[in-house]
Amino acid sequence: MSTFEFTFLADDTTSIKTLEEILASFKGKKLSEQSLGKKLLAYPIGKKESAEFIVWKISLDKKMVKEFKQKLIFDKVVLRSLLLQHEEDSDK
């Protein structure tokens, strides 16, 4: 399992619960969560003017990353997301 930083814009708390279920379905784990609060967006995304900015530290198998990203796009669970691998895992 590799460690990733997963930053995303969520519409509401139901999106966050759905996202936790999706992560669990890919055998991933949420290690920590940091909420940056509700922010006004620079431009509307899907007719939304504001969103919750949230950063998770997650553990996920590298082989599942592509499928995880595709699931997020297909299900439109989050407005935008960014998944970065932690530096200590990038050498492996």
C-alpha atoms as a PDB file:
ATOM      1  CA  MET A   1       0.000   0.000   0.000  1.00  0.00           C
ATOM      2  CA  SER A   2       1.205   3.470  -0.867  1.00  0.00           C
ATOM      3  CA  THR A   3       0.396   6.728   0.867  1.00  0.00           C
ATOM      4  CA  PHE A   4      -1.242   9.550  -1.066  1.00  0.00           C
ATOM      5  CA  GLU A   5      -2.435  13.054  -0.378  1.00  0.00           C
ATOM      6  CA  PHE A   6      -5.958  13.388  -1.772  1.00  0.00           C
ATOM      7  CA  THR A   7      -7.276  16.943  -2.060  1.00  0.00           C
ATOM      8  CA  PHE A   8     -10.811  17.487  -3.272  1.00  0.00           C
ATOM      9  CA  LEU A   9     -13.742  19.882  -3.483  1.00  0.00           C
ATOM     10  CA  ALA A  10     -16.926  18.424  -2.031  1.00  0.00           C
ATOM     11  CA  ASP A  11     -20.421  19.725  -2.567  1.00  0.00           C
ATOM     12  CA  ASP A  12     -21.733  18.595   0.829  1.00  0.00           C
ATOM     13  CA  THR A  13     -21.258  16.046   3.605  1.00  0.00           C
ATOM     14  CA  THR A  14     -23.151  13.320   1.720  1.00  0.00           C
ATOM     15  CA  SER A  15     -20.454  13.502  -0.966  1.00  0.00           C
ATOM     16  CA  ILE A  16     -17.820  12.895   1.705  1.00  0.00           C
ATOM     17  CA  LYS A  17     -19.623   9.818   3.062  1.00  0.00           C
ATOM     18  CA  THR A  18     -20.014   8.456  -0.486  1.00  0.00           C
ATOM     19  CA  LEU A  19     -16.325   9.075  -1.111  1.00  0.00           C
ATOM     20  CA  GLU A  20     -15.388   7.139   2.041  1.00  0.00           C
ATOM     21  CA  GLU A  21     -17.459   4.190   0.774  1.00  0.00           C
ATOM     22  CA  ILE A  22     -15.793   4.330  -2.644  1.00  0.00           C
ATOM     23  CA  LEU A  23     -12.335   4.396  -1.034  1.00  0.00           C
ATOM     24  CA  ALA A  24     -13.263   1.376   1.105  1.00  0.00           C
ATOM     25  CA  SER A  25     -14.478  -0.492  -1.986  1.00  0.00           C
ATOM     26  CA  PHE A  26     -10.961  -0.132  -3.445  1.00  0.00           C
ATOM     27  CA  LYS A  27      -9.493  -1.478  -0.160  1.00  0.00           C
ATOM     28  CA  GLY A  28      -8.129   1.961   0.706  1.00  0.00           C
ATOM     29  CA  LYS A  29      -7.965   3.602   4.114  1.00  0.00           C
ATOM     30  CA  LYS A  30      -8.326   7.204   5.208  1.00  0.00           C
ATOM     31  CA  LEU A  31      -5.375   7.907   7.508  1.00  0.00           C
ATOM     32  CA  SER A  32      -6.132  11.541   8.336  1.00  0.00           C
ATOM     33  CA  GLU A  33      -8.488  14.345   7.359  1.00  0.00           C
ATOM     34  CA  GLN A  34      -8.042  18.108   7.271  1.00  0.00           C
ATOM     35  CA  SER A  35     -10.885  20.423   6.342  1.00  0.00           C
ATOM     36  CA  LEU A  36      -9.876  23.781   4.914  1.00  0.00           C
ATOM     37  CA  GLY A  37     -13.434  25.056   5.158  1.00  0.00           C
ATOM     38  CA  LYS A  38     -16.064  26.217   2.730  1.00  0.00           C
ATOM     39  CA  LYS A  39     -14.605  28.536   0.092  1.00  0.00           C
ATOM     40  CA  LEU A  40     -16.106  30.650  -2.647  1.00  0.00           C
ATOM     41  CA  LEU A  41     -14.983  29.293  -6.029  1.00  0.00           C
ATOM     42  CA  ALA A  42     -13.251  31.506  -8.592  1.00  0.00           C
ATOM     43  CA  TYR A  43     -15.734  30.251 -11.194  1.00  0.00           C
ATOM     44  CA  PRO A  44     -18.849  28.070 -10.940  1.00  0.00           C
ATOM     45  CA  ILE A  45     -18.355  24.315 -11.243  1.00  0.00           C
ATOM     46  CA  GLY A  46     -21.563  22.531 -12.157  1.00  0.00           C
ATOM     47  CA  LYS A  47     -23.597  25.576 -11.086  1.00  0.00           C
ATOM     48  CA  LYS A  48     -21.964  25.487  -7.637  1.00  0.00           C
ATOM     49  CA  GLU A  49     -20.588  28.780  -6.339  1.00  0.00           C
ATOM     50  CA  SER A  50     -18.835  27.381  -3.239  1.00  0.00           C
ATOM     51  CA  ALA A  51     -17.426  24.068  -2.017  1.00  0.00           C
ATOM     52  CA  GLU A  52     -15.744  22.380   0.944  1.00  0.00           C
ATOM     53  CA  PHE A  53     -11.967  22.027   0.494  1.00  0.00           C
ATOM     54  CA  ILE A  54     -10.781  18.818   2.138  1.00  0.00           C
ATOM     55  CA  VAL A  55      -7.398  17.087   2.300  1.00  0.00           C
ATOM     56  CA  TRP A  56      -7.116  13.402   3.160  1.00  0.00           C
ATOM     57  CA  LYS A  57      -4.033  11.312   3.671  1.00  0.00           C
ATOM     58  CA  ILE A  58      -4.987   7.900   2.285  1.00  0.00           C
ATOM     59  CA  SER A  59      -3.441   4.487   1.885  1.00  0.00           C
ATOM     60  CA  LEU A  60      -4.190   2.815  -1.457  1.00  0.00           C
ATOM     61  CA  ASP A  61      -2.631   0.152  -3.639  1.00  0.00           C
ATOM     62  CA  LYS A  62      -0.847   1.715  -6.638  1.00  0.00           C
ATOM     63  CA  LYS A  63      -2.619  -0.723  -8.954  1.00  0.00           C
ATOM     64  CA  MET A  64      -5.993   0.700  -7.877  1.00  0.00           C
ATOM     65  CA  VAL A  65      -5.219   4.403  -8.414  1.00  0.00           C
ATOM     66  CA  LYS A  66      -6.354   4.567 -12.037  1.00  0.00           C
ATOM     67  CA  GLU A  67      -9.657   2.804 -11.297  1.00  0.00           C
ATOM     68  CA  PHE A  68     -10.212   5.003  -8.223  1.00  0.00           C
ATOM     69  CA  LYS A  69      -9.784   8.181 -10.289  1.00  0.00           C
ATOM     70  CA  GLN A  70     -12.085   6.867 -13.021  1.00  0.00           C
ATOM     71  CA  LYS A  71     -14.765   6.027 -10.448  1.00  0.00           C
ATOM     72  CA  LEU A  72     -14.631   9.581  -9.073  1.00  0.00           C
ATOM     73  CA  ILE A  73     -15.026  11.066 -12.555  1.00  0.00           C
ATOM     74  CA  PHE A  74     -17.764   8.664 -13.622  1.00  0.00           C
ATOM     75  CA  ASP A  75     -19.867   9.006 -10.461  1.00  0.00           C
ATOM     76  CA  LYS A  76     -19.259  12.780 -10.145  1.00  0.00           C
ATOM     77  CA  VAL A  77     -18.817  12.397  -6.394  1.00  0.00           C
ATOM     78  CA  VAL A  78     -16.501  15.399  -6.043  1.00  0.00           C
ATOM     79  CA  LEU A  79     -16.315  18.628  -8.030  1.00  0.00           C
ATOM     80  CA  ARG A  80     -12.521  18.525  -8.471  1.00  0.00           C
ATOM     81  CA  SER A  81      -9.755  16.350  -7.038  1.00  0.00           C
ATOM     82  CA  LEU A  82      -5.983  15.973  -6.943  1.00  0.00           C
ATOM     83  CA  LEU A  83      -4.180  12.787  -5.911  1.00  0.00           C
ATOM     84  CA  LEU A  84      -0.455  13.039  -5.131  1.00  0.00           C
ATOM     85  CA  GLN A  85       1.866  10.309  -3.928  1.00  0.00           C
ATOM     86  CA  HIS A  86       3.850  11.064  -0.773  1.00  0.00           C
ATOM     87  CA  GLU A  87       7.593  11.508  -1.328  1.00  0.00           C
ATOM     88  CA  GLU A  88       8.638   8.728   1.050  1.00  0.00           C
ATOM     89  CA  ASP A  89       6.676   6.254  -1.118  1.00  0.00           C
ATOM     90  CA  SER A  90       7.873   7.543  -4.514  1.00  0.00           C
ATOM     91  CA  ASP A  91      11.257   5.753  -4.274  1.00  0.00           C
ATOM     92  CA  LYS A  92       9.649   2.312  -3.956  1.00  0.00           C
END
